Amino acid sequence: MNRFLHSFAVVFISLAVTLAPSPLWACACGCGSFDVQTVVMAAPEGAYPMQGGRPASTRPGGLVYLEYDNANQDQNWSGSRSASSDNNSDKLLRTDFITAGVQYMFNARWGMMAEVPVWNRLFKTVDDNGDTVTLHDTALADIRLRGVYTGFSSAMTSGLTFGVKLPTGDFKAAGFDRDSQIGTGGTDLLLGAYHLGTITRDARWTWFSNVLLDQPVLSAGGYRPGAEGDVLIGASFRGWEFAGLRVSPLAQAIGSLRGRDSGTLAHSGDTGYARLLAGPGLHLAAGRLVADAAVNFPVAQDVNGNQLMAAQYWKLSAGWRF
C-alpha cells in the first residue's frame, strides 16, 4: 500500500467523517448532523497497487490537508417526511466547515491523525417574542485526535482508529441554543474500523467500508449530545491518467443513527434520527498532490420531533503527501 493510502484512506470513518461534516460534526437543535468524516474520500489513487495479494508499499509517511464542507439545513422534517416550517421555531442553519488535518504512519502498523476544525455558522430562529432573529458565529470547533492501527491482516487493508474529541469548540455564543452551538462543551470517545478490498483481479475496481462510533463521556453545562454511529460502504474505479493526473470516480452510501440529546438545556424531543445518504465523488492525484470532491443526498431519513435537514452535503479537500 502506498504512503498516501496508509495515511489518507484510514482517516475517513463516512466517516466524513466524515468527516464530517465528522463529523461527528453534529448539531441537534432540530438540525441534521453533518459529519465531515462519514462523507468518505477513501478512494486511493485508483486502487492501491497490489503485489502478491498485498499492497505494494507499506512505507511510513504522512499527509497534510485542508478540507471544506458545507451543509445548508433549511428543510423542516418530522418523522420520515418533510413538514411545515411553522412546526419548527428554527428556520435555517447554514454551516461552512473548514478543517486542517495531518495524518502520519510511523510504520506499517501504527499511525496518528489530528484535525483542527473552524466553523462559520449562520442560524435563523424565532425568539420568545415571535421575532425572527439571525445569529452568526465563526469559531474553533472540537479538535479530534486519533490513533491508527493497521496490522490485522498481512495485506494491511483492515484496521482500527481510536481517540477523543476535545471540548475546544465555542459553546457560549450569544443567542444560540446549546444544541446549535459550534462546540458541545464535552469530551467524546471515538472508535472506528475500516476495510479496503478489490472487486476485480486487476484491482481497477475496489471497495471500501468504514464504521465510526462517537460516544460522549463528559458533558458540561446541562447538555449532553446523543451518541452517534455511522457506517459507510463505497466503491471506486481506478480511472484514467492525463499527463500525470489520475482521475478516479467513486460512489458511496452512508448510514447514520444518532440518539437523543439529554440534559436540562437539551431539546430531547427534537433530537435523534436515522438517516441514509448516497452520492458520487471524484478523486484526483498528481504526484504528491491529492484532491477530492463529493456530494451526498438524503435517500431516507427518520427524525424525532421536528428537525432541520439539508437537501445535499458538499465536500472538497486537497492534500500534500510527505
Protein backbone atom coordinates (compact mmCIF):
# COMPACT_ATOMS: atom_id res chain seq x y z
CA MET A 1 0.00 0.00 0.00
CA ASN A 2 1.46 3.33 -0.95
CA ARG A 3 2.06 6.03 1.63
CA PHE A 4 -0.95 8.00 0.56
CA LEU A 5 -3.36 5.13 1.10
CA HIS A 6 -2.00 4.36 4.55
CA SER A 7 -2.17 8.00 5.59
CA PHE A 8 -5.34 9.12 3.87
CA ALA A 9 -7.83 6.28 3.40
CA VAL A 10 -7.97 5.32 7.07
CA VAL A 11 -8.89 8.82 8.20
CA PHE A 12 -12.46 8.79 6.85
CA ILE A 13 -14.54 6.52 9.05
CA SER A 14 -18.38 8.10 6.50
CA LEU A 15 -16.71 8.75 8.24
CA ALA A 16 -16.62 12.14 6.72
CA VAL A 17 -16.50 11.82 8.54
CA THR A 18 -16.79 12.25 7.64
CA LEU A 19 -15.98 13.93 8.34
CA ALA A 20 -17.74 15.15 8.83
CA PRO A 21 -19.18 17.34 8.38
CA SER A 22 -17.35 14.44 11.33
CA PRO A 23 -18.42 14.71 12.00
CA LEU A 24 -19.41 13.67 14.39
CA TRP A 25 -19.72 17.25 13.30
CA ALA A 26 -23.18 17.40 14.87
CA CYS A 27 -25.83 19.93 15.68
CA ALA A 28 -29.01 18.71 17.27
CA CYS A 29 -31.24 21.83 17.56
CA GLY A 30 -33.69 20.21 15.25
CA CYS A 31 -30.81 20.05 12.80
CA GLY A 32 -29.41 17.09 10.98
CA SER A 33 -25.91 16.04 11.92
CA PHE A 34 -23.23 16.85 9.38
CA ASP A 35 -20.30 14.53 9.68
CA VAL A 36 -17.16 15.68 7.97
CA GLN A 37 -15.82 12.13 8.33
CA THR A 38 -18.63 9.98 7.04
CA VAL A 39 -18.63 11.58 3.63
CA VAL A 40 -15.73 9.36 2.69
CA MET A 41 -12.92 10.26 0.35
CA ALA A 42 -11.28 6.92 0.95
CA ALA A 43 -10.62 6.21 -2.71
CA PRO A 44 -6.91 5.58 -3.11
CA GLU A 45 -5.07 6.54 -6.24
CA GLY A 46 -7.27 4.42 -8.43
CA ALA A 47 -6.89 1.46 -6.02
CA TYR A 48 -3.90 0.55 -4.00
CA PRO A 49 -1.20 -1.18 -6.07
CA MET A 50 -1.28 -4.89 -5.25
CA GLN A 51 1.69 -7.20 -5.48
CA GLY A 52 1.34 -10.82 -4.39
CA GLY A 53 -2.02 -10.13 -2.71
CA ARG A 54 -0.83 -7.22 -0.54
CA PRO A 55 -0.20 -3.51 -1.03
CA ALA A 56 2.92 -2.72 -3.00
CA SER A 57 4.31 -0.47 -0.29
CA THR A 58 3.78 -0.07 3.44
CA ARG A 59 6.37 2.63 3.98
CA PRO A 60 5.69 5.24 6.64
CA GLY A 61 4.63 8.68 5.54
CA GLY A 62 2.08 11.38 6.01
CA LEU A 63 -0.43 13.79 4.57
CA VAL A 64 -1.38 17.36 5.41
CA TYR A 65 -4.71 18.53 4.09
CA LEU A 66 -7.32 21.26 4.08
CA GLU A 67 -10.99 20.36 3.78
CA TYR A 68 -14.14 22.38 3.16
CA ASP A 69 -17.64 21.05 3.82
CA ASN A 70 -21.00 22.76 3.53
CA ALA A 71 -24.47 21.98 4.85
CA ASN A 72 -27.46 24.26 4.27
CA GLN A 73 -30.12 22.92 6.64
CA ASP A 74 -33.32 24.71 5.64
CA GLN A 75 -35.92 21.96 5.30
CA ASN A 76 -38.09 21.03 8.28
CA TRP A 77 -38.68 17.29 8.73
CA SER A 78 -40.84 15.32 11.12
CA GLY A 79 -40.67 11.55 11.14
CA SER A 80 -39.86 10.30 7.65
CA ARG A 81 -41.20 13.23 5.62
CA SER A 82 -40.97 16.97 5.20
CA ALA A 83 -43.21 19.07 7.45
CA SER A 84 -44.45 22.63 7.67
CA SER A 85 -41.84 25.15 8.78
CA ASP A 86 -44.48 26.53 11.17
CA ASN A 87 -43.85 23.48 13.35
CA ASN A 88 -40.23 24.45 13.99
CA SER A 89 -39.01 27.70 15.51
CA ASP A 90 -35.61 27.11 13.85
CA LYS A 91 -35.66 28.17 10.20
CA LEU A 92 -32.11 27.88 8.88
CA LEU A 93 -28.75 26.51 9.97
CA ARG A 94 -26.06 27.04 7.33
CA THR A 95 -22.52 25.99 8.16
CA ASP A 96 -19.16 26.14 6.42
CA PHE A 97 -16.84 23.53 7.95
CA ILE A 98 -13.13 24.19 7.40
CA THR A 99 -10.71 21.56 8.70
CA ALA A 100 -6.92 21.49 8.74
CA GLY A 101 -5.59 18.00 9.31
CA VAL A 102 -2.50 15.85 9.41
CA GLN A 103 -2.12 12.07 9.25
CA TYR A 104 1.13 10.18 9.68
CA MET A 105 2.02 6.48 9.63
CA PHE A 106 5.09 5.85 11.79
CA ASN A 107 5.42 2.34 10.34
CA ALA A 108 3.29 -0.20 8.51
CA ARG A 109 1.04 -0.75 11.55
CA TRP A 110 0.80 2.41 13.65
CA GLY A 111 -0.14 5.98 12.87
CA MET A 112 -1.91 9.08 14.14
CA MET A 113 -4.40 11.70 12.95
CA ALA A 114 -5.19 15.21 14.17
CA GLU A 115 -7.95 17.51 12.90
CA VAL A 116 -8.43 21.17 13.80
CA PRO A 117 -11.82 22.49 12.57
CA VAL A 118 -13.14 26.03 12.29
CA TRP A 119 -16.85 26.55 11.60
CA ASN A 120 -18.68 29.52 10.14
CA ARG A 121 -22.34 29.27 11.15
CA LEU A 122 -25.48 31.24 10.29
CA PHE A 123 -28.58 30.48 12.36
CA LYS A 124 -32.09 31.86 11.88
CA THR A 125 -34.68 31.19 14.55
CA VAL A 126 -37.82 32.66 16.10
CA ASP A 127 -37.26 34.08 19.58
CA ASP A 128 -39.63 34.09 22.55
CA ASN A 129 -41.20 37.33 21.31
CA GLY A 130 -42.12 35.78 17.98
CA ASP A 131 -39.46 37.73 16.07
CA THR A 132 -37.16 36.09 13.53
CA VAL A 133 -33.54 36.69 14.50
CA THR A 134 -30.38 35.95 12.57
CA LEU A 135 -27.30 34.85 14.51
CA HIS A 136 -23.75 34.31 13.33
CA ASP A 137 -20.68 32.70 14.84
CA THR A 138 -17.24 31.79 13.49
CA ALA A 139 -15.07 29.88 15.91
CA LEU A 140 -12.82 26.92 16.60
CA ALA A 141 -14.81 23.68 16.82
CA ASP A 142 -13.96 20.48 18.70
CA ILE A 143 -10.48 19.13 17.90
CA ARG A 144 -10.10 15.41 17.19
CA LEU A 145 -7.06 13.29 17.97
CA ARG A 146 -6.88 9.63 16.92
CA GLY A 147 -4.50 6.74 16.64
CA VAL A 148 -4.46 4.23 13.80
CA TYR A 149 -3.66 0.51 13.83
CA THR A 150 -3.49 -1.35 10.51
CA GLY A 151 -1.95 -4.69 11.49
CA PHE A 152 -4.95 -7.04 11.46
CA SER A 153 -4.07 -8.60 8.11
CA SER A 154 -0.89 -9.24 6.15
CA ALA A 155 -2.28 -7.05 3.38
CA MET A 156 -2.68 -4.10 5.78
CA THR A 157 -6.17 -3.50 4.39
CA SER A 158 -8.06 -3.63 7.71
CA GLY A 159 -7.60 -1.50 10.79
CA LEU A 160 -8.90 0.47 13.73
CA THR A 161 -8.95 4.13 14.69
CA PHE A 162 -9.37 5.29 18.28
CA GLY A 163 -9.19 8.61 20.05
CA VAL A 164 -11.00 11.57 21.54
CA LYS A 165 -12.93 14.68 20.58
CA LEU A 166 -11.82 17.51 22.84
CA PRO A 167 -14.07 20.29 24.27
CA THR A 168 -12.28 23.08 22.39
CA GLY A 169 -15.27 24.41 20.47
CA ASP A 170 -17.18 27.57 21.34
CA PHE A 171 -20.45 26.72 23.13
CA LYS A 172 -21.24 30.15 24.60
CA ALA A 173 -22.17 32.22 21.54
CA ALA A 174 -24.94 34.70 22.42
CA GLY A 175 -28.43 33.70 21.29
CA PHE A 176 -27.58 30.15 20.23
CA ASP A 177 -29.21 27.19 21.95
CA ARG A 178 -26.76 24.63 23.29
CA ASP A 179 -27.60 22.20 20.50
CA SER A 180 -26.92 24.79 17.80
CA GLN A 181 -23.58 25.94 19.25
CA ILE A 182 -20.38 25.19 17.33
CA GLY A 183 -18.92 23.24 20.27
CA THR A 184 -20.64 20.72 22.52
CA GLY A 185 -18.65 21.57 25.66
CA GLY A 186 -17.99 17.88 26.26
CA THR A 187 -15.46 15.15 25.55
CA ASP A 188 -16.25 12.15 23.32
CA LEU A 189 -14.57 8.82 22.73
CA LEU A 190 -14.11 7.86 19.07
CA LEU A 191 -13.78 4.27 17.88
CA GLY A 192 -13.71 3.23 14.24
CA ALA A 193 -12.82 0.38 11.91
CA TYR A 194 -12.20 0.18 8.17
CA HIS A 195 -11.57 -2.36 5.44
CA LEU A 196 -10.39 -1.97 1.86
CA GLY A 197 -10.64 -4.63 -0.85
CA THR A 198 -10.52 -5.33 -4.57
CA ILE A 199 -13.55 -6.17 -6.70
CA THR A 200 -11.73 -7.21 -9.87
CA ARG A 201 -8.50 -9.17 -10.22
CA ASP A 202 -6.70 -6.27 -11.90
CA ALA A 203 -7.67 -4.03 -8.92
CA ARG A 204 -9.17 -1.42 -11.22
CA TRP A 205 -12.39 -1.71 -9.20
CA THR A 206 -12.04 -1.53 -5.41
CA TRP A 207 -14.38 -1.19 -2.46
CA PHE A 208 -14.05 0.40 0.96
CA SER A 209 -16.02 0.42 4.21
CA ASN A 210 -15.82 2.44 7.40
CA VAL A 211 -17.58 2.33 10.76
CA LEU A 212 -17.34 5.02 13.45
CA LEU A 213 -18.87 5.34 16.93
CA ASP A 214 -18.88 8.75 18.65
CA GLN A 215 -19.73 8.27 22.34
CA PRO A 216 -19.94 11.33 24.64
CA VAL A 217 -18.38 10.58 28.04
CA LEU A 218 -18.07 14.02 29.71
CA SER A 219 -20.57 16.86 29.43
CA ALA A 220 -20.80 20.46 30.59
CA GLY A 221 -23.48 22.99 31.45
CA GLY A 222 -26.57 20.80 31.34
CA TYR A 223 -26.16 19.48 27.81
CA ARG A 224 -25.06 16.07 26.59
CA PRO A 225 -25.27 15.26 22.84
CA GLY A 226 -26.59 11.91 21.75
CA ALA A 227 -24.23 9.11 20.77
CA GLU A 228 -23.83 8.53 17.03
CA GLY A 229 -22.87 5.57 14.88
CA ASP A 230 -22.02 5.79 11.18
CA VAL A 231 -21.47 3.07 8.59
CA LEU A 232 -20.11 3.75 5.12
CA ILE A 233 -19.62 1.49 2.11
CA GLY A 234 -18.43 2.55 -1.31
CA ALA A 235 -16.64 1.57 -4.49
CA SER A 236 -14.10 3.30 -6.72
CA PHE A 237 -12.75 2.83 -10.23
CA ARG A 238 -9.05 3.20 -10.92
CA GLY A 239 -9.88 5.76 -13.57
CA TRP A 240 -7.82 7.46 -16.21
CA GLU A 241 -4.49 9.29 -16.46
CA PHE A 242 -3.89 12.52 -18.35
CA ALA A 243 -0.39 14.00 -18.39
CA GLY A 244 0.38 12.70 -14.92
CA LEU A 245 -3.08 13.41 -13.47
CA ARG A 246 -5.12 10.42 -12.36
CA VAL A 247 -8.91 10.80 -12.19
CA SER A 248 -10.88 8.17 -10.23
CA PRO A 249 -14.67 8.27 -9.79
CA LEU A 250 -16.35 6.73 -6.75
CA ALA A 251 -19.78 6.15 -5.23
CA GLN A 252 -20.71 5.74 -1.58
CA ALA A 253 -23.61 5.24 0.83
CA ILE A 254 -23.58 6.40 4.47
CA GLY A 255 -25.97 5.23 7.17
CA SER A 256 -26.19 7.17 10.46
CA LEU A 257 -28.00 6.55 13.72
CA ARG A 258 -27.98 9.26 16.38
CA GLY A 259 -29.50 9.10 19.85
CA ARG A 260 -31.43 11.84 21.62
CA ASP A 261 -29.64 14.65 23.42
CA SER A 262 -30.08 14.87 27.18
CA GLY A 263 -29.68 17.41 29.97
CA THR A 264 -31.58 20.41 31.26
CA LEU A 265 -30.64 22.54 28.24
CA ALA A 266 -31.31 19.84 25.63
CA HIS A 267 -34.35 19.70 23.32
CA SER A 268 -34.59 15.93 23.63
CA GLY A 269 -37.91 15.61 21.81
CA ASP A 270 -36.49 17.19 18.66
CA THR A 271 -33.19 15.31 18.51
CA GLY A 272 -32.07 11.91 17.32
CA TYR A 273 -32.57 10.37 13.90
CA ALA A 274 -31.78 7.60 11.43
CA ARG A 275 -30.52 8.62 8.00
CA LEU A 276 -29.15 7.18 4.77
CA LEU A 277 -27.10 9.34 2.37
CA ALA A 278 -25.67 8.39 -1.01
CA GLY A 279 -23.82 10.13 -3.79
CA PRO A 280 -20.91 10.33 -6.21
CA GLY A 281 -17.38 11.57 -5.72
CA LEU A 282 -14.13 12.14 -7.54
CA HIS A 283 -10.52 11.57 -6.51
CA LEU A 284 -7.62 13.35 -8.25
CA ALA A 285 -3.93 12.58 -7.81
CA ALA A 286 -0.86 14.18 -9.39
CA GLY A 287 2.48 13.36 -7.81
CA ARG A 288 2.29 14.26 -4.12
CA LEU A 289 -0.85 16.35 -4.56
CA VAL A 290 -4.27 14.79 -3.99
CA ALA A 291 -7.75 16.29 -4.13
CA ASP A 292 -11.27 15.02 -3.58
CA ALA A 293 -14.83 16.18 -4.14
CA ALA A 294 -18.13 14.59 -3.18
CA VAL A 295 -21.81 15.38 -2.78
CA ASN A 296 -24.28 13.26 -0.84
CA PHE A 297 -28.07 13.32 -0.98
CA PRO A 298 -30.61 12.01 1.54
CA VAL A 299 -32.10 8.70 0.40
CA ALA A 300 -34.14 8.10 3.55
CA GLN A 301 -34.34 9.82 6.93
CA ASP A 302 -36.49 9.45 10.03
CA VAL A 303 -36.21 12.13 12.72
CA ASN A 304 -37.69 12.64 16.17
CA GLY A 305 -39.93 15.68 16.54
CA ASN A 306 -39.13 18.48 14.09
CA GLN A 307 -35.60 18.96 12.76
CA LEU A 308 -33.88 20.98 10.05
CA MET A 309 -32.32 18.84 7.33
CA ALA A 310 -30.25 19.65 4.24
CA ALA A 311 -31.03 18.73 0.64
CA GLN A 312 -27.37 17.88 -0.01
CA TYR A 313 -23.98 17.80 1.72
CA TRP A 314 -20.86 19.01 -0.11
CA LYS A 315 -17.20 18.22 0.45
CA LEU A 316 -13.93 19.43 -1.11
CA SER A 317 -10.43 18.61 0.11
CA ALA A 318 -6.83 18.93 -1.03
CA GLY A 319 -3.73 17.40 0.48
CA TRP A 320 0.02 17.00 0.12
CA ARG A 321 1.83 13.74 0.84
CA PHE A 322 5.20 13.75 2.52
